Amino acid sequence: MSTPVTFTVNDMTCNHCAGVITKAVKDVDADARVDITVADKRVVIDSSLPAQSLAEAIEEAGYTPVAA
């Protein structure tokens, strides 16, 4: 694992959204650790993949991640 990457996802509004984002990340890195705080719209991912790959996975799930 590497240094955790943090994204702000302003269009994540509920626990369902958090679940979709978690699944999207796990689909590209099954070993990733995903910590989501819906109220803060914050997604913290500890993964061996580069931040860009993680952002693309979130985007493909229909959300707009912004590096925090």
PDB file of N, CA and C in Angstrom:
ATOM      1  N   MET A   1       0.844  -1.188   0.000  1.00  0.00           N
ATOM      2  CA  MET A   1       0.000   0.000   0.000  1.00  0.00           C
ATOM      3  C   MET A   1       0.884   1.243   0.000  1.00  0.00           C
ATOM      4  N   SER A   2       0.305   2.318  -0.445  1.00  0.00           N
ATOM      5  CA  SER A   2       1.051   3.569  -0.528  1.00  0.00           C
ATOM      6  C   SER A   2       0.412   4.606   0.385  1.00  0.00           C
ATOM      7  N   THR A   3       0.808   5.842   0.206  1.00  0.00           N
ATOM      8  CA  THR A   3       0.201   6.932   0.963  1.00  0.00           C
ATOM      9  C   THR A   3      -1.256   7.058   0.548  1.00  0.00           C
ATOM     10  N   PRO A   4      -2.170   7.167   1.495  1.00  0.00           N
ATOM     11  CA  PRO A   4      -3.592   7.295   1.133  1.00  0.00           C
ATOM     12  C   PRO A   4      -3.848   8.523   0.257  1.00  0.00           C
ATOM     13  N   VAL A   5      -4.797   8.373  -0.651  1.00  0.00           N
ATOM     14  CA  VAL A   5      -5.216   9.442  -1.551  1.00  0.00           C
ATOM     15  C   VAL A   5      -6.593   9.900  -1.089  1.00  0.00           C
ATOM     16  N   THR A   6      -6.791  11.221  -1.020  1.00  0.00           N
ATOM     17  CA  THR A   6      -8.074  11.763  -0.586  1.00  0.00           C
ATOM     18  C   THR A   6      -8.740  12.518  -1.727  1.00  0.00           C
ATOM     19  N   PHE A   7     -10.018  12.232  -1.914  1.00  0.00           N
ATOM     20  CA  PHE A   7     -10.826  12.939  -2.902  1.00  0.00           C
ATOM     21  C   PHE A   7     -12.018  13.569  -2.202  1.00  0.00           C
ATOM     22  N   THR A   8     -12.451  14.714  -2.719  1.00  0.00           N
ATOM     23  CA  THR A   8     -13.737  15.283  -2.356  1.00  0.00           C
ATOM     24  C   THR A   8     -14.675  14.926  -3.502  1.00  0.00           C
ATOM     25  N   VAL A   9     -15.828  14.346  -3.155  1.00  0.00           N
ATOM     26  CA  VAL A   9     -16.792  13.938  -4.176  1.00  0.00           C
ATOM     27  C   VAL A   9     -18.106  14.638  -3.840  1.00  0.00           C
ATOM     28  N   ASN A  10     -18.272  15.845  -4.395  1.00  0.00           N
ATOM     29  CA  ASN A  10     -19.420  16.673  -4.034  1.00  0.00           C
ATOM     30  C   ASN A  10     -20.760  16.103  -4.479  1.00  0.00           C
ATOM     31  N   ASP A  11     -20.753  15.216  -5.479  1.00  0.00           N
ATOM     32  CA  ASP A  11     -22.022  14.628  -5.911  1.00  0.00           C
ATOM     33  C   ASP A  11     -22.324  13.294  -5.229  1.00  0.00           C
ATOM     34  N   MET A  12     -21.574  12.969  -4.170  1.00  0.00           N
ATOM     35  CA  MET A  12     -21.865  11.805  -3.322  1.00  0.00           C
ATOM     36  C   MET A  12     -22.773  12.309  -2.194  1.00  0.00           C
ATOM     37  N   THR A  13     -24.018  11.822  -2.176  1.00  0.00           N
ATOM     38  CA  THR A  13     -24.987  12.393  -1.235  1.00  0.00           C
ATOM     39  C   THR A  13     -25.533  11.426  -0.192  1.00  0.00           C
ATOM     40  N   CYS A  14     -25.248  10.123  -0.352  1.00  0.00           N
ATOM     41  CA  CYS A  14     -25.858   9.170   0.574  1.00  0.00           C
ATOM     42  C   CYS A  14     -24.999   7.908   0.695  1.00  0.00           C
ATOM     43  N   ASN A  15     -25.430   7.008   1.555  1.00  0.00           N
ATOM     44  CA  ASN A  15     -24.695   5.762   1.751  1.00  0.00           C
ATOM     45  C   ASN A  15     -24.711   4.879   0.506  1.00  0.00           C
ATOM     46  N   HIS A  16     -25.778   4.972  -0.289  1.00  0.00           N
ATOM     47  CA  HIS A  16     -25.806   4.210  -1.541  1.00  0.00           C
ATOM     48  C   HIS A  16     -24.668   4.686  -2.447  1.00  0.00           C
ATOM     49  N   CYS A  17     -24.508   6.001  -2.556  1.00  0.00           N
ATOM     50  CA  CYS A  17     -23.413   6.566  -3.354  1.00  0.00           C
ATOM     51  C   CYS A  17     -22.077   6.030  -2.842  1.00  0.00           C
ATOM     52  N   ALA A  18     -21.903   6.027  -1.541  1.00  0.00           N
ATOM     53  CA  ALA A  18     -20.662   5.548  -0.941  1.00  0.00           C
ATOM     54  C   ALA A  18     -20.414   4.089  -1.312  1.00  0.00           C
ATOM     55  N   GLY A  19     -21.462   3.294  -1.324  1.00  0.00           N
ATOM     56  CA  GLY A  19     -21.337   1.894  -1.696  1.00  0.00           C
ATOM     57  C   GLY A  19     -20.934   1.718  -3.152  1.00  0.00           C
ATOM     58  N   VAL A  20     -21.506   2.536  -4.026  1.00  0.00           N
ATOM     59  CA  VAL A  20     -21.169   2.473  -5.452  1.00  0.00           C
ATOM     60  C   VAL A  20     -19.697   2.846  -5.654  1.00  0.00           C
ATOM     61  N   ILE A  21     -19.248   3.890  -4.966  1.00  0.00           N
ATOM     62  CA  ILE A  21     -17.852   4.322  -5.079  1.00  0.00           C
ATOM     63  C   ILE A  21     -16.916   3.245  -4.526  1.00  0.00           C
ATOM     64  N   THR A  22     -17.271   2.678  -3.385  1.00  0.00           N
ATOM     65  CA  THR A  22     -16.441   1.615  -2.809  1.00  0.00           C
ATOM     66  C   THR A  22     -16.314   0.449  -3.775  1.00  0.00           C
ATOM     67  N   LYS A  23     -17.435   0.028  -4.365  1.00  0.00           N
ATOM     68  CA  LYS A  23     -17.409  -1.089  -5.316  1.00  0.00           C
ATOM     69  C   LYS A  23     -16.552  -0.737  -6.519  1.00  0.00           C
ATOM     70  N   ALA A  24     -16.657   0.480  -7.027  1.00  0.00           N
ATOM     71  CA  ALA A  24     -15.875   0.894  -8.199  1.00  0.00           C
ATOM     72  C   ALA A  24     -14.381   0.807  -7.912  1.00  0.00           C
ATOM     73  N   VAL A  25     -13.984   1.243  -6.721  1.00  0.00           N
ATOM     74  CA  VAL A  25     -12.569   1.194  -6.345  1.00  0.00           C
ATOM     75  C   VAL A  25     -12.130  -0.255  -6.172  1.00  0.00           C
ATOM     76  N   LYS A  26     -12.943  -1.048  -5.489  1.00  0.00           N
ATOM     77  CA  LYS A  26     -12.594  -2.456  -5.255  1.00  0.00           C
ATOM     78  C   LYS A  26     -12.527  -3.253  -6.567  1.00  0.00           C
ATOM     79  N   ASP A  27     -13.290  -2.820  -7.571  1.00  0.00           N
ATOM     80  CA  ASP A  27     -13.243  -3.497  -8.865  1.00  0.00           C
ATOM     81  C   ASP A  27     -11.891  -3.329  -9.545  1.00  0.00           C
ATOM     82  N   VAL A  28     -11.203  -2.207  -9.304  1.00  0.00           N
ATOM     83  CA  VAL A  28      -9.878  -1.993  -9.908  1.00  0.00           C
ATOM     84  C   VAL A  28      -8.747  -2.397  -8.974  1.00  0.00           C
ATOM     85  N   ASP A  29      -9.014  -2.442  -7.656  1.00  0.00           N
ATOM     86  CA  ASP A  29      -8.010  -2.881  -6.681  1.00  0.00           C
ATOM     87  C   ASP A  29      -8.726  -3.542  -5.508  1.00  0.00           C
ATOM     88  N   ALA A  30      -8.822  -4.863  -5.572  1.00  0.00           N
ATOM     89  CA  ALA A  30      -9.559  -5.612  -4.548  1.00  0.00           C
ATOM     90  C   ALA A  30      -8.973  -5.439  -3.154  1.00  0.00           C
ATOM     91  N   ASP A  31      -7.685  -5.094  -3.074  1.00  0.00           N
ATOM     92  CA  ASP A  31      -7.029  -4.941  -1.777  1.00  0.00           C
ATOM     93  C   ASP A  31      -7.072  -3.515  -1.236  1.00  0.00           C
ATOM     94  N   ALA A  32      -7.681  -2.616  -1.968  1.00  0.00           N
ATOM     95  CA  ALA A  32      -7.724  -1.212  -1.530  1.00  0.00           C
ATOM     96  C   ALA A  32      -8.513  -1.077  -0.236  1.00  0.00           C
ATOM     97  N   ARG A  33      -8.096  -0.126   0.587  1.00  0.00           N
ATOM     98  CA  ARG A  33      -8.844   0.225   1.798  1.00  0.00           C
ATOM     99  C   ARG A  33      -9.550   1.534   1.496  1.00  0.00           C
ATOM    100  N   VAL A  34     -10.875   1.528   1.604  1.00  0.00           N
ATOM    101  CA  VAL A  34     -11.681   2.696   1.255  1.00  0.00           C
ATOM    102  C   VAL A  34     -12.392   3.190   2.508  1.00  0.00           C
ATOM    103  N   ASP A  35     -12.172   4.450   2.851  1.00  0.00           N
ATOM    104  CA  ASP A  35     -12.805   5.058   4.018  1.00  0.00           C
ATOM    105  C   ASP A  35     -13.588   6.267   3.529  1.00  0.00           C
ATOM    106  N   ILE A  36     -14.906   6.211   3.668  1.00  0.00           N
ATOM    107  CA  ILE A  36     -15.770   7.266   3.135  1.00  0.00           C
ATOM    108  C   ILE A  36     -16.544   7.937   4.263  1.00  0.00           C
ATOM    109  N   THR A  37     -16.546   9.264   4.229  1.00  0.00           N
ATOM    110  CA  THR A  37     -17.366  10.056   5.142  1.00  0.00           C
ATOM    111  C   THR A  37     -18.347  10.846   4.278  1.00  0.00           C
ATOM    112  N   VAL A  38     -19.589  10.350   4.219  1.00  0.00           N
ATOM    113  CA  VAL A  38     -20.593  10.967   3.345  1.00  0.00           C
ATOM    114  C   VAL A  38     -20.846  12.417   3.739  1.00  0.00           C
ATOM    115  N   ALA A  39     -20.964  12.692   5.025  1.00  0.00           N
ATOM    116  CA  ALA A  39     -21.282  14.049   5.477  1.00  0.00           C
ATOM    117  C   ALA A  39     -20.234  15.068   5.016  1.00  0.00           C
ATOM    118  N   ASP A  40     -18.970  14.641   4.962  1.00  0.00           N
ATOM    119  CA  ASP A  40     -17.886  15.533   4.533  1.00  0.00           C
ATOM    120  C   ASP A  40     -17.597  15.403   3.046  1.00  0.00           C
ATOM    121  N   LYS A  41     -18.307  14.457   2.385  1.00  0.00           N
ATOM    122  CA  LYS A  41     -18.084  14.184   0.960  1.00  0.00           C
ATOM    123  C   LYS A  41     -16.628  13.806   0.688  1.00  0.00           C
ATOM    124  N   ARG A  42     -16.041  13.072   1.650  1.00  0.00           N
ATOM    125  CA  ARG A  42     -14.625  12.724   1.573  1.00  0.00           C
ATOM    126  C   ARG A  42     -14.447  11.223   1.346  1.00  0.00           C
ATOM    127  N   VAL A  43     -13.555  10.896   0.412  1.00  0.00           N
ATOM    128  CA  VAL A  43     -13.206   9.513   0.117  1.00  0.00           C
ATOM    129  C   VAL A  43     -11.694   9.385   0.284  1.00  0.00           C
ATOM    130  N   VAL A  44     -11.267   8.522   1.201  1.00  0.00           N
ATOM    131  CA  VAL A  44      -9.840   8.277   1.418  1.00  0.00           C
ATOM    132  C   VAL A  44      -9.565   6.839   0.993  1.00  0.00           C
ATOM    133  N   ILE A  45      -8.602   6.681   0.082  1.00  0.00           N
ATOM    134  CA  ILE A  45      -8.300   5.362  -0.462  1.00  0.00           C
ATOM    135  C   ILE A  45      -6.829   5.052  -0.246  1.00  0.00           C
ATOM    136  N   ASP A  46      -6.574   3.894   0.346  1.00  0.00           N
ATOM    137  CA  ASP A  46      -5.211   3.404   0.498  1.00  0.00           C
ATOM    138  C   ASP A  46      -5.062   2.269  -0.507  1.00  0.00           C
ATOM    139  N   SER A  47      -4.279   2.519  -1.556  1.00  0.00           N
ATOM    140  CA  SER A  47      -4.167   1.573  -2.663  1.00  0.00           C
ATOM    141  C   SER A  47      -2.777   1.657  -3.266  1.00  0.00           C
ATOM    142  N   SER A  48      -2.388   0.587  -3.936  1.00  0.00           N
ATOM    143  CA  SER A  48      -1.107   0.598  -4.644  1.00  0.00           C
ATOM    144  C   SER A  48      -1.237   1.235  -6.026  1.00  0.00           C
ATOM    145  N   LEU A  49      -2.466   1.512  -6.447  1.00  0.00           N
ATOM    146  CA  LEU A  49      -2.687   2.141  -7.751  1.00  0.00           C
ATOM    147  C   LEU A  49      -2.450   3.650  -7.680  1.00  0.00           C
ATOM    148  N   PRO A  50      -2.091   4.271  -8.822  1.00  0.00           N
ATOM    149  CA  PRO A  50      -1.935   5.727  -8.832  1.00  0.00           C
ATOM    150  C   PRO A  50      -3.278   6.433  -8.651  1.00  0.00           C
ATOM    151  N   ALA A  51      -3.224   7.639  -8.122  1.00  0.00           N
ATOM    152  CA  ALA A  51      -4.439   8.419  -7.851  1.00  0.00           C
ATOM    153  C   ALA A  51      -5.296   8.569  -9.097  1.00  0.00           C
ATOM    154  N   GLN A  52      -4.662   8.749 -10.259  1.00  0.00           N
ATOM    155  CA  GLN A  52      -5.421   8.929 -11.504  1.00  0.00           C
ATOM    156  C   GLN A  52      -6.281   7.710 -11.813  1.00  0.00           C
ATOM    157  N   SER A  53      -5.759   6.531 -11.589  1.00  0.00           N
ATOM    158  CA  SER A  53      -6.535   5.313 -11.841  1.00  0.00           C
ATOM    159  C   SER A  53      -7.735   5.222 -10.914  1.00  0.00           C
ATOM    160  N   LEU A  54      -7.537   5.619  -9.667  1.00  0.00           N
ATOM    161  CA  LEU A  54      -8.636   5.599  -8.696  1.00  0.00           C
ATOM    162  C   LEU A  54      -9.691   6.632  -9.078  1.00  0.00           C
ATOM    163  N   ALA A  55      -9.245   7.821  -9.482  1.00  0.00           N
ATOM    164  CA  ALA A  55     -10.180   8.871  -9.902  1.00  0.00           C
ATOM    165  C   ALA A  55     -10.996   8.404 -11.107  1.00  0.00           C
ATOM    166  N   GLU A  56     -10.333   7.749 -12.057  1.00  0.00           N
ATOM    167  CA  GLU A  56     -11.036   7.258 -13.246  1.00  0.00           C
ATOM    168  C   GLU A  56     -12.085   6.211 -12.876  1.00  0.00           C
ATOM    169  N   ALA A  57     -11.782   5.358 -11.916  1.00  0.00           N
ATOM    170  CA  ALA A  57     -12.751   4.351 -11.485  1.00  0.00           C
ATOM    171  C   ALA A  57     -13.982   5.023 -10.879  1.00  0.00           C
ATOM    172  N   ILE A  58     -13.754   6.068 -10.079  1.00  0.00           N
ATOM    173  CA  ILE A  58     -14.869   6.800  -9.469  1.00  0.00           C
ATOM    174  C   ILE A  58     -15.678   7.521 -10.546  1.00  0.00           C
ATOM    175  N   GLU A  59     -14.994   8.114 -11.509  1.00  0.00           N
ATOM    176  CA  GLU A  59     -15.679   8.804 -12.612  1.00  0.00           C
ATOM    177  C   GLU A  59     -16.535   7.835 -13.421  1.00  0.00           C
ATOM    178  N   GLU A  60     -15.989   6.642 -13.690  1.00  0.00           N
ATOM    179  CA  GLU A  60     -16.745   5.641 -14.452  1.00  0.00           C
ATOM    180  C   GLU A  60     -17.991   5.189 -13.706  1.00  0.00           C
ATOM    181  N   ALA A  61     -17.979   5.321 -12.374  1.00  0.00           N
ATOM    182  CA  ALA A  61     -19.155   4.967 -11.566  1.00  0.00           C
ATOM    183  C   ALA A  61     -20.179   6.103 -11.574  1.00  0.00           C
ATOM    184  N   GLY A  62     -19.830   7.247 -12.190  1.00  0.00           N
ATOM    185  CA  GLY A  62     -20.792   8.337 -12.328  1.00  0.00           C
ATOM    186  C   GLY A  62     -20.595   9.486 -11.366  1.00  0.00           C
ATOM    187  N   TYR A  63     -19.448   9.551 -10.723  1.00  0.00           N
ATOM    188  CA  TYR A  63     -19.199  10.612  -9.733  1.00  0.00           C
ATOM    189  C   TYR A  63     -18.020  11.478 -10.162  1.00  0.00           C
ATOM    190  N   THR A  64     -17.861  12.597  -9.503  1.00  0.00           N
ATOM    191  CA  THR A  64     -16.842  13.581  -9.874  1.00  0.00           C
ATOM    192  C   THR A  64     -15.848  13.781  -8.744  1.00  0.00           C
ATOM    193  N   PRO A  65     -14.771  12.986  -8.706  1.00  0.00           N
ATOM    194  CA  PRO A  65     -13.780  13.138  -7.648  1.00  0.00           C
ATOM    195  C   PRO A  65     -12.853  14.315  -7.924  1.00  0.00           C
ATOM    196  N   VAL A  66     -12.525  15.051  -6.856  1.00  0.00           N
ATOM    197  CA  VAL A  66     -11.576  16.145  -6.942  1.00  0.00           C
ATOM    198  C   VAL A  66     -10.506  15.876  -5.894  1.00  0.00           C
ATOM    199  N   ALA A  67      -9.252  15.877  -6.306  1.00  0.00           N
ATOM    200  CA  ALA A  67      -8.168  15.631  -5.357  1.00  0.00           C
ATOM    201  C   ALA A  67      -8.232  16.645  -4.221  1.00  0.00           C
ATOM    202  N   ALA A  68      -8.131  16.149  -2.993  1.00  0.00           N
ATOM    203  CA  ALA A  68      -8.244  17.038  -1.836  1.00  0.00           C
ATOM    204  C   ALA A  68      -6.884  17.231  -1.201  1.00  0.00           C
TER     205      ALA A  68
END
